[in-house]
Protein backbone atom coordinates (compact mmCIF):
# COMPACT_ATOMS: atom_id res chain seq x y z
CA MET A 1 10.96 -3.51 26.02
CA LYS A 2 10.19 -7.36 26.49
CA GLY A 3 8.09 -7.13 23.00
CA LEU A 4 11.25 -5.82 21.24
CA GLN A 5 13.53 -8.16 22.42
CA GLU A 6 11.32 -11.22 21.42
CA ILE A 7 10.93 -9.50 17.92
CA LYS A 8 14.43 -9.57 17.88
CA SER A 9 14.98 -13.30 18.83
CA GLU A 10 12.40 -13.74 15.90
CA ILE A 11 14.59 -12.19 13.24
CA ASP A 12 17.65 -13.62 14.59
CA GLN A 13 15.80 -16.93 14.42
CA LEU A 14 15.04 -16.19 10.83
CA VAL A 15 18.29 -14.81 9.99
CA SER A 16 20.20 -18.25 10.92
CA SER A 17 17.34 -20.36 9.07
CA ASN A 18 17.36 -18.74 5.78
CA GLY A 19 21.22 -17.20 5.42
CA LYS A 20 19.35 -13.66 4.75
CA THR A 21 20.57 -10.45 6.30
CA GLU A 22 18.70 -9.00 9.13
CA LEU A 23 17.39 -6.03 6.91
CA GLU A 24 16.56 -8.51 3.96
CA VAL A 25 14.12 -10.46 6.54
CA VAL A 26 12.72 -6.87 7.80
CA ASP A 27 11.69 -5.57 4.44
CA ALA A 28 10.18 -9.10 3.59
CA LEU A 29 8.62 -8.58 6.35
CA HIS A 30 7.48 -5.13 5.75
CA LYS A 31 6.30 -5.99 2.30
CA TYR A 32 4.11 -9.05 3.56
CA TYR A 33 2.36 -6.49 6.08
CA PHE A 34 1.74 -3.82 3.62
CA ASN A 35 0.43 -5.54 0.82
CA LYS A 36 -1.84 -7.42 3.58
CA ALA A 37 -3.19 -3.92 4.42
CA VAL A 38 -3.47 -3.03 1.20
CA THR A 39 -5.38 -5.73 0.15
CA ALA A 40 -7.75 -5.13 3.03
CA GLU A 41 -8.21 -1.32 1.82
CA ILE A 42 -8.89 -2.90 -1.98
CA LYS A 43 -11.50 -4.55 -0.56
CA LEU A 44 -13.55 -1.97 1.48
CA TYR A 45 -12.60 0.58 -1.75
CA LYS A 46 -14.68 -1.96 -4.35
CA LYS A 47 -17.58 -2.02 -1.47
CA LYS A 48 -17.47 1.34 -1.75
CA LYS A 49 -17.16 1.74 2.21
CA LYS A 50 -13.81 3.76 1.72
CA LYS A 51 -12.80 6.74 -0.69
CA VAL A 52 -9.40 6.96 -1.82
CA ALA A 53 -8.36 9.82 0.04
CA GLN A 54 -9.02 8.08 3.43
CA ILE A 55 -6.89 4.68 2.20
CA THR A 56 -4.51 6.91 1.31
CA LYS A 57 -4.32 8.69 4.57
CA ASP A 58 -4.28 5.10 6.53
CA LEU A 59 -1.78 3.89 4.16
CA LYS A 60 0.65 7.00 4.28
CA ILE A 61 0.75 6.40 0.39
CA SER A 62 0.10 8.85 -2.22
CA HIS A 63 -2.59 8.79 -4.67
CA ARG A 64 -0.63 8.09 -7.76
CA ARG A 65 0.94 5.00 -5.67
CA PHE A 66 -2.31 3.69 -5.02
CA TYR A 67 -4.16 4.21 -8.33
CA LYS A 68 -0.94 2.17 -9.57
CA ILE A 69 -1.56 -0.79 -7.05
CA LEU A 70 -5.16 -1.04 -8.48
CA GLU A 71 -3.71 -1.05 -11.92
CA ASP A 72 -1.36 -3.76 -10.91
CA LYS A 73 -4.10 -5.47 -9.39
CA LYS A 74 -6.47 -4.89 -12.29
CA VAL A 75 -9.07 -3.69 -10.22
CA GLU A 76 -11.48 -0.98 -12.01
CA PHE A 77 -11.45 2.43 -10.68
CA THR A 78 -12.37 5.74 -12.75
CA LYS A 79 -9.86 8.21 -14.14
CA TYR A 80 -10.33 11.96 -13.93
CA ASN A 81 -8.21 13.13 -16.86
CA LYS A 82 -9.03 16.99 -17.53
CA SER A 83 -6.99 18.32 -20.42
CA LYS A 84 -6.51 21.89 -20.94
CA GLU A 85 -9.14 21.85 -23.98
CA GLU A 86 -11.52 20.94 -21.63
CA GLU A 87 -10.91 23.69 -18.61
CA ASN A 88 -10.80 26.30 -21.10
CA GLU A 89 -14.52 25.24 -22.68
CA GLN A 90 -15.60 25.33 -18.94
CA LYS A 91 -14.35 28.69 -18.39
CA TYR A 92 -16.76 30.23 -21.36
């Protein structure tokens, strides 16, 4: 519980200095640490040391959200789009 009390006191300090609400401060911290984790995972993805399935499982996000993040950060990736015509051709 000592750790939680320290975190609470730091959040209170930030609230008093920034003039934001506690939820805004917590949300900003969440975004910061999430972006930090995503950046580290993208580095591993670029080096081909981790696959998308492993990354999305670690970050607890969907594949589509991860691909959207890659698009936003302009990282190259392979899209696998199969149309219905291609699926029918493979059956025959």
